[in-house]
Each structure stands twice: as structure tokens, then as C-alpha cells.
Amino acid sequence: VQLQAFGGGSVQPGQSLRLSCIASGRSFSDLSTGWFRQAPGKEREMVAAISRNGVTTWYPDSVKGRFTISRDDAATTVYLQMSSLKPEDTAVYYCAAALHGSPNSALLRIYEYDSWGQGTLVTVSS
């Protein structure tokens, strides 16, 4: 599976960004997907996950209510809509995919993902 993420940039606090991740190489409906981020000096952390059928999503408390993950199977793309961005959201954001997982379950552990995009930088600063 190949993943290409884009959409990062520099924004001011309170603004929004939408990240996109295009998948290729396998049937998109076979993929569980998620978004992670890694800030300088910190471990990579999950910020959103979505099940293969798009029904189940998960967010950590740090982004719940501000971030929304979605997927468009026809476009083989998973999105991360980020709103009310804060300086602490500054990080490199990675999309990830896994070829397992039940259709209705989101994968919540980093080691469950076996394909990664190249990362896109999000900077939130005034």
C-alpha cells in the first residue's frame, strides 16, 4: 500500500486545515486507516482512526470535537479536518493504513499499522 499525504501548512491559532491522504496499491475498502502526529522531541501519537466501513471513528481527548476523520472510498482518500487549531497541534502529521481489522472497528494501536505516508507538516503559530 502506498500512501501520499498532503495539505499541511502554516496557520494561526483558531484556523482550520484539511489534510488528505491518497491510498493506492490495494483495494481501499480493505484498509483500516488513521492519522498520527509527531512533534519535535515527542513520540508519535494517534489523533484519529476510522474503520474500514467508515462507521466507527476514534479520537483522543486532546483533539476530540476539533478534528474529524472521514474517508471517500471512491477517491481512495482519507481526510483529517482540523479546526480550532492550537499551537500544541504543531507537528508532522502522518496517515497510516492496515490491511486487517474488522470492517466496523477502528485500529487504535500504532503497531497495528503497516503502511505509512511521508508526513506533512502543520505549524500553528501567531
N, C-alpha and C. Protein backbone atom coordinates (compact mmCIF):
# COMPACT_ATOMS: atom_id res chain seq x y z
N VAL A 1 0.85 -1.19 0.00
CA VAL A 1 0.00 0.00 0.00
C VAL A 1 0.89 1.24 0.00
N GLN A 2 0.58 2.16 -0.89
CA GLN A 2 1.31 3.43 -0.93
C GLN A 2 0.36 4.53 -0.47
N LEU A 3 0.88 5.40 0.37
CA LEU A 3 0.09 6.50 0.92
C LEU A 3 0.78 7.81 0.64
N GLN A 4 0.02 8.78 0.17
CA GLN A 4 0.57 10.10 -0.09
C GLN A 4 -0.27 11.13 0.64
N ALA A 5 0.35 11.79 1.60
CA ALA A 5 -0.36 12.78 2.42
C ALA A 5 0.01 14.18 1.97
N PHE A 6 -0.94 15.06 2.02
CA PHE A 6 -0.68 16.46 1.71
C PHE A 6 -1.74 17.33 2.37
N GLY A 7 -1.50 18.64 2.33
CA GLY A 7 -2.46 19.57 2.90
C GLY A 7 -1.95 20.34 4.10
N GLY A 8 -0.75 20.02 4.57
CA GLY A 8 -0.21 20.74 5.71
C GLY A 8 0.14 22.18 5.35
N GLY A 9 0.46 22.95 6.36
CA GLY A 9 0.82 24.33 6.13
C GLY A 9 0.94 25.08 7.44
N SER A 10 1.07 26.38 7.32
CA SER A 10 1.19 27.25 8.49
C SER A 10 -0.10 28.06 8.65
N VAL A 11 -0.67 27.99 9.84
CA VAL A 11 -1.90 28.71 10.11
C VAL A 11 -1.79 29.38 11.47
N GLN A 12 -2.73 30.29 11.72
CA GLN A 12 -2.79 30.94 13.02
C GLN A 12 -3.71 30.16 13.95
N PRO A 13 -3.54 30.33 15.24
CA PRO A 13 -4.43 29.66 16.19
C PRO A 13 -5.89 29.98 15.89
N GLY A 14 -6.72 28.95 15.99
CA GLY A 14 -8.14 29.12 15.72
C GLY A 14 -8.55 28.82 14.29
N GLN A 15 -7.58 28.75 13.39
CA GLN A 15 -7.89 28.48 11.99
C GLN A 15 -8.02 26.97 11.74
N SER A 16 -8.34 26.64 10.49
CA SER A 16 -8.60 25.24 10.12
C SER A 16 -7.68 24.80 8.98
N LEU A 17 -7.51 23.51 8.89
CA LEU A 17 -6.79 22.88 7.79
C LEU A 17 -7.43 21.52 7.52
N ARG A 18 -7.34 21.10 6.27
CA ARG A 18 -7.77 19.74 5.94
C ARG A 18 -6.61 18.99 5.31
N LEU A 19 -6.27 17.88 5.92
CA LEU A 19 -5.26 17.00 5.38
C LEU A 19 -5.92 15.91 4.55
N SER A 20 -5.23 15.50 3.51
CA SER A 20 -5.72 14.42 2.65
C SER A 20 -4.64 13.36 2.52
N CYS A 21 -5.07 12.14 2.34
CA CYS A 21 -4.13 11.04 2.17
C CYS A 21 -4.71 10.10 1.12
N ILE A 22 -4.03 10.00 -0.01
CA ILE A 22 -4.47 9.15 -1.10
C ILE A 22 -3.78 7.80 -1.01
N ALA A 23 -4.55 6.74 -1.06
CA ALA A 23 -4.02 5.39 -0.97
C ALA A 23 -4.06 4.71 -2.33
N SER A 24 -3.07 3.89 -2.59
CA SER A 24 -3.04 3.12 -3.82
C SER A 24 -2.36 1.79 -3.55
N GLY A 25 -2.56 0.87 -4.44
CA GLY A 25 -1.89 -0.41 -4.34
C GLY A 25 -2.74 -1.55 -3.83
N ARG A 26 -3.82 -1.22 -3.14
CA ARG A 26 -4.74 -2.24 -2.66
C ARG A 26 -6.15 -1.66 -2.70
N SER A 27 -7.11 -2.54 -2.64
CA SER A 27 -8.50 -2.08 -2.58
C SER A 27 -8.69 -1.24 -1.32
N PHE A 28 -9.18 -0.03 -1.49
CA PHE A 28 -9.29 0.89 -0.36
C PHE A 28 -10.23 0.35 0.70
N SER A 29 -11.23 -0.40 0.30
CA SER A 29 -12.18 -0.94 1.27
C SER A 29 -11.55 -1.99 2.18
N ASP A 30 -10.38 -2.48 1.84
CA ASP A 30 -9.66 -3.44 2.67
C ASP A 30 -8.84 -2.75 3.78
N LEU A 31 -8.77 -1.44 3.75
CA LEU A 31 -7.86 -0.72 4.62
C LEU A 31 -8.54 -0.07 5.81
N SER A 32 -7.99 -0.35 6.99
CA SER A 32 -8.29 0.48 8.16
C SER A 32 -7.29 1.64 8.11
N THR A 33 -7.72 2.84 8.45
CA THR A 33 -6.83 4.00 8.31
C THR A 33 -6.84 4.86 9.55
N GLY A 34 -5.77 5.63 9.68
CA GLY A 34 -5.65 6.52 10.82
C GLY A 34 -4.69 7.66 10.53
N TRP A 35 -4.74 8.64 11.37
CA TRP A 35 -3.81 9.77 11.33
C TRP A 35 -3.03 9.83 12.64
N PHE A 36 -1.75 10.09 12.51
CA PHE A 36 -0.86 10.24 13.65
C PHE A 36 -0.13 11.57 13.52
N ARG A 37 0.48 11.98 14.60
CA ARG A 37 1.32 13.16 14.53
C ARG A 37 2.53 12.98 15.44
N GLN A 38 3.58 13.70 15.09
CA GLN A 38 4.80 13.66 15.90
C GLN A 38 5.38 15.05 15.98
N ALA A 39 5.41 15.56 17.19
CA ALA A 39 6.01 16.86 17.45
C ALA A 39 7.48 16.67 17.79
N PRO A 40 8.30 17.71 17.62
CA PRO A 40 9.73 17.58 17.93
C PRO A 40 9.96 17.11 19.36
N GLY A 41 10.77 16.08 19.50
CA GLY A 41 11.11 15.57 20.82
C GLY A 41 10.04 14.73 21.47
N LYS A 42 8.97 14.46 20.75
CA LYS A 42 7.87 13.66 21.33
C LYS A 42 7.64 12.40 20.52
N GLU A 43 6.97 11.44 21.14
CA GLU A 43 6.63 10.21 20.45
C GLU A 43 5.46 10.44 19.49
N ARG A 44 5.41 9.58 18.49
CA ARG A 44 4.29 9.65 17.56
C ARG A 44 3.01 9.22 18.28
N GLU A 45 1.94 9.98 18.07
CA GLU A 45 0.68 9.68 18.73
C GLU A 45 -0.46 9.68 17.72
N MET A 46 -1.46 8.87 18.02
CA MET A 46 -2.63 8.81 17.15
C MET A 46 -3.53 10.00 17.44
N VAL A 47 -4.08 10.58 16.37
CA VAL A 47 -5.04 11.67 16.55
C VAL A 47 -6.42 11.31 15.98
N ALA A 48 -6.50 10.28 15.18
CA ALA A 48 -7.81 9.86 14.65
C ALA A 48 -7.68 8.51 13.98
N ALA A 49 -8.74 7.75 14.06
CA ALA A 49 -8.80 6.46 13.37
C ALA A 49 -10.21 6.24 12.85
N ILE A 50 -10.30 5.50 11.76
CA ILE A 50 -11.60 5.21 11.17
C ILE A 50 -11.61 3.77 10.68
N SER A 51 -12.75 3.14 10.85
CA SER A 51 -12.87 1.74 10.46
C SER A 51 -12.97 1.61 8.95
N ARG A 52 -12.86 0.37 8.50
CA ARG A 52 -12.90 0.11 7.06
C ARG A 52 -14.21 0.57 6.44
N ASN A 53 -15.30 0.44 7.17
CA ASN A 53 -16.60 0.85 6.60
C ASN A 53 -16.94 2.29 6.89
N GLY A 54 -16.05 2.99 7.56
CA GLY A 54 -16.27 4.41 7.83
C GLY A 54 -17.25 4.71 8.93
N VAL A 55 -17.78 3.68 9.57
CA VAL A 55 -18.82 3.88 10.58
C VAL A 55 -18.23 4.27 11.93
N THR A 56 -17.11 3.65 12.29
CA THR A 56 -16.52 3.86 13.61
C THR A 56 -15.31 4.78 13.52
N THR A 57 -15.29 5.77 14.39
CA THR A 57 -14.15 6.67 14.48
C THR A 57 -13.69 6.77 15.93
N TRP A 58 -12.46 7.22 16.11
CA TRP A 58 -11.91 7.39 17.46
C TRP A 58 -10.98 8.58 17.46
N TYR A 59 -11.01 9.32 18.58
CA TYR A 59 -10.14 10.47 18.76
C TYR A 59 -9.66 10.51 20.21
N PRO A 60 -8.44 10.96 20.43
CA PRO A 60 -8.03 11.20 21.82
C PRO A 60 -8.69 12.47 22.33
N ASP A 61 -8.72 12.64 23.62
CA ASP A 61 -9.35 13.81 24.22
C ASP A 61 -8.72 15.12 23.72
N SER A 62 -7.44 15.07 23.39
CA SER A 62 -6.74 16.30 23.01
C SER A 62 -7.28 16.92 21.72
N VAL A 63 -7.93 16.14 20.88
CA VAL A 63 -8.44 16.67 19.61
C VAL A 63 -9.93 16.45 19.43
N LYS A 64 -10.55 15.73 20.34
CA LYS A 64 -11.98 15.42 20.21
C LYS A 64 -12.79 16.70 20.13
N GLY A 65 -13.68 16.75 19.17
CA GLY A 65 -14.51 17.93 18.97
C GLY A 65 -13.87 18.95 18.04
N ARG A 66 -12.59 18.80 17.75
CA ARG A 66 -11.91 19.73 16.85
C ARG A 66 -11.47 19.05 15.55
N PHE A 67 -11.14 17.79 15.61
CA PHE A 67 -10.67 17.04 14.44
C PHE A 67 -11.76 16.06 14.00
N THR A 68 -11.85 15.87 12.70
CA THR A 68 -12.80 14.91 12.14
C THR A 68 -12.12 14.10 11.05
N ILE A 69 -12.15 12.80 11.18
CA ILE A 69 -11.60 11.91 10.16
C ILE A 69 -12.75 11.39 9.32
N SER A 70 -12.49 11.28 8.03
CA SER A 70 -13.50 10.74 7.13
C SER A 70 -12.78 10.05 5.98
N ARG A 71 -13.54 9.27 5.23
CA ARG A 71 -12.93 8.58 4.11
C ARG A 71 -13.89 8.58 2.93
N ASP A 72 -13.31 8.64 1.75
CA ASP A 72 -14.06 8.60 0.50
C ASP A 72 -13.53 7.41 -0.29
N ASP A 73 -14.25 6.32 -0.26
CA ASP A 73 -13.76 5.11 -0.90
C ASP A 73 -13.62 5.28 -2.41
N ALA A 74 -14.50 6.04 -3.03
CA ALA A 74 -14.41 6.25 -4.48
C ALA A 74 -13.13 6.98 -4.84
N ALA A 75 -12.70 7.88 -3.97
CA ALA A 75 -11.47 8.65 -4.21
C ALA A 75 -10.25 8.00 -3.56
N THR A 76 -10.44 6.89 -2.91
CA THR A 76 -9.38 6.18 -2.15
C THR A 76 -8.61 7.16 -1.27
N THR A 77 -9.34 8.00 -0.58
CA THR A 77 -8.72 9.08 0.19
C THR A 77 -9.30 9.12 1.60
N VAL A 78 -8.43 9.34 2.56
CA VAL A 78 -8.87 9.58 3.93
C VAL A 78 -8.50 11.02 4.27
N TYR A 79 -9.39 11.70 4.95
CA TYR A 79 -9.23 13.11 5.27
C TYR A 79 -9.11 13.32 6.77
N LEU A 80 -8.45 14.40 7.14
CA LEU A 80 -8.46 14.85 8.53
C LEU A 80 -8.78 16.34 8.51
N GLN A 81 -10.00 16.67 8.90
CA GLN A 81 -10.40 18.06 9.01
C GLN A 81 -10.05 18.53 10.41
N MET A 82 -9.23 19.58 10.48
CA MET A 82 -8.78 20.11 11.76
C MET A 82 -9.28 21.53 11.91
N SER A 83 -9.97 21.80 12.99
CA SER A 83 -10.47 23.13 13.24
C SER A 83 -10.03 23.59 14.62
N SER A 84 -10.21 24.87 14.87
CA SER A 84 -9.80 25.46 16.15
C SER A 84 -8.39 25.04 16.52
N LEU A 85 -7.50 25.15 15.57
CA LEU A 85 -6.14 24.67 15.78
C LEU A 85 -5.42 25.47 16.86
N LYS A 86 -4.59 24.77 17.59
CA LYS A 86 -3.83 25.35 18.70
C LYS A 86 -2.33 25.19 18.43
N PRO A 87 -1.51 26.01 19.05
CA PRO A 87 -0.06 25.85 18.86
C PRO A 87 0.43 24.44 19.20
N GLU A 88 -0.20 23.81 20.16
CA GLU A 88 0.23 22.46 20.53
C GLU A 88 -0.14 21.40 19.50
N ASP A 89 -0.88 21.78 18.47
CA ASP A 89 -1.17 20.87 17.36
C ASP A 89 -0.03 20.85 16.34
N THR A 90 0.94 21.72 16.53
CA THR A 90 2.08 21.76 15.61
C THR A 90 2.83 20.44 15.63
N ALA A 91 2.97 19.83 14.46
CA ALA A 91 3.62 18.52 14.35
C ALA A 91 3.68 18.12 12.89
N VAL A 92 4.42 17.06 12.63
CA VAL A 92 4.33 16.39 11.34
C VAL A 92 3.21 15.35 11.45
N TYR A 93 2.30 15.41 10.52
CA TYR A 93 1.14 14.52 10.53
C TYR A 93 1.33 13.41 9.50
N TYR A 94 1.05 12.19 9.92
CA TYR A 94 1.22 11.02 9.07
C TYR A 94 -0.12 10.28 8.94
N CYS A 95 -0.40 9.85 7.73
CA CYS A 95 -1.51 8.91 7.59
C CYS A 95 -0.95 7.50 7.59
N ALA A 96 -1.78 6.57 8.00
CA ALA A 96 -1.35 5.19 8.10
C ALA A 96 -2.50 4.27 7.72
N ALA A 97 -2.14 3.07 7.28
CA ALA A 97 -3.16 2.11 6.87
C ALA A 97 -2.77 0.72 7.30
N ALA A 98 -3.78 -0.12 7.46
CA ALA A 98 -3.55 -1.51 7.84
C ALA A 98 -4.47 -2.38 7.01
N LEU A 99 -3.94 -3.53 6.63
CA LEU A 99 -4.70 -4.46 5.81
C LEU A 99 -5.50 -5.46 6.63
N HIS A 100 -5.69 -5.15 7.90
CA HIS A 100 -6.50 -6.03 8.73
C HIS A 100 -7.43 -5.17 9.57
N GLY A 101 -8.18 -5.83 10.39
CA GLY A 101 -9.17 -5.12 11.17
C GLY A 101 -10.55 -5.44 10.64
N SER A 102 -11.48 -5.61 11.53
CA SER A 102 -12.84 -5.90 11.10
C SER A 102 -13.44 -4.67 10.46
N PRO A 103 -14.44 -4.85 9.61
CA PRO A 103 -15.00 -3.69 8.88
C PRO A 103 -15.52 -2.58 9.80
N ASN A 104 -15.96 -2.94 10.99
CA ASN A 104 -16.62 -1.96 11.85
C ASN A 104 -15.75 -1.49 13.02
N SER A 105 -14.48 -1.85 13.04
CA SER A 105 -13.62 -1.49 14.16
C SER A 105 -12.47 -0.60 13.71
N ALA A 106 -12.23 0.46 14.48
CA ALA A 106 -11.07 1.29 14.21
C ALA A 106 -9.87 0.70 14.95
N LEU A 107 -8.71 0.76 14.32
CA LEU A 107 -7.48 0.25 14.94
C LEU A 107 -6.84 1.38 15.73
N LEU A 108 -6.52 1.11 16.98
CA LEU A 108 -6.10 2.18 17.89
C LEU A 108 -4.65 2.12 18.31
N ARG A 109 -3.89 1.14 17.85
CA ARG A 109 -2.52 0.99 18.30
C ARG A 109 -1.56 1.17 17.14
N ILE A 110 -0.50 1.90 17.39
CA ILE A 110 0.43 2.24 16.31
C ILE A 110 0.99 1.00 15.65
N TYR A 111 1.22 -0.06 16.43
CA TYR A 111 1.85 -1.24 15.85
C TYR A 111 0.90 -2.02 14.94
N GLU A 112 -0.36 -1.66 14.94
CA GLU A 112 -1.32 -2.33 14.06
C GLU A 112 -1.25 -1.81 12.63
N TYR A 113 -0.58 -0.69 12.43
CA TYR A 113 -0.49 -0.08 11.11
C TYR A 113 0.81 -0.49 10.43
N ASP A 114 0.72 -0.89 9.16
CA ASP A 114 1.92 -1.37 8.48
C ASP A 114 2.28 -0.57 7.24
N SER A 115 1.50 0.44 6.93
CA SER A 115 1.85 1.31 5.80
C SER A 115 1.73 2.74 6.26
N TRP A 116 2.71 3.56 5.86
CA TRP A 116 2.76 4.96 6.32
C TRP A 116 3.00 5.90 5.16
N GLY A 117 2.36 7.05 5.24
CA GLY A 117 2.63 8.12 4.30
C GLY A 117 3.89 8.86 4.70
N GLN A 118 4.27 9.86 3.91
CA GLN A 118 5.54 10.54 4.10
C GLN A 118 5.49 11.65 5.14
N GLY A 119 4.32 12.03 5.59
CA GLY A 119 4.22 13.09 6.58
C GLY A 119 4.04 14.45 5.94
N THR A 120 3.23 15.27 6.60
CA THR A 120 3.02 16.64 6.15
C THR A 120 3.03 17.54 7.38
N LEU A 121 3.76 18.64 7.30
CA LEU A 121 3.99 19.50 8.45
C LEU A 121 2.84 20.48 8.65
N VAL A 122 2.35 20.54 9.87
CA VAL A 122 1.34 21.51 10.28
C VAL A 122 1.96 22.40 11.35
N THR A 123 1.96 23.69 11.11
CA THR A 123 2.51 24.66 12.06
C THR A 123 1.40 25.63 12.45
N VAL A 124 1.16 25.73 13.74
CA VAL A 124 0.14 26.64 14.25
C VAL A 124 0.84 27.67 15.11
N SER A 125 0.84 28.90 14.64
CA SER A 125 1.59 29.94 15.33
C SER A 125 1.01 31.30 14.99
N SER A 126 1.06 32.18 15.96
CA SER A 126 0.61 33.55 15.71
C SER A 126 1.77 34.43 15.29
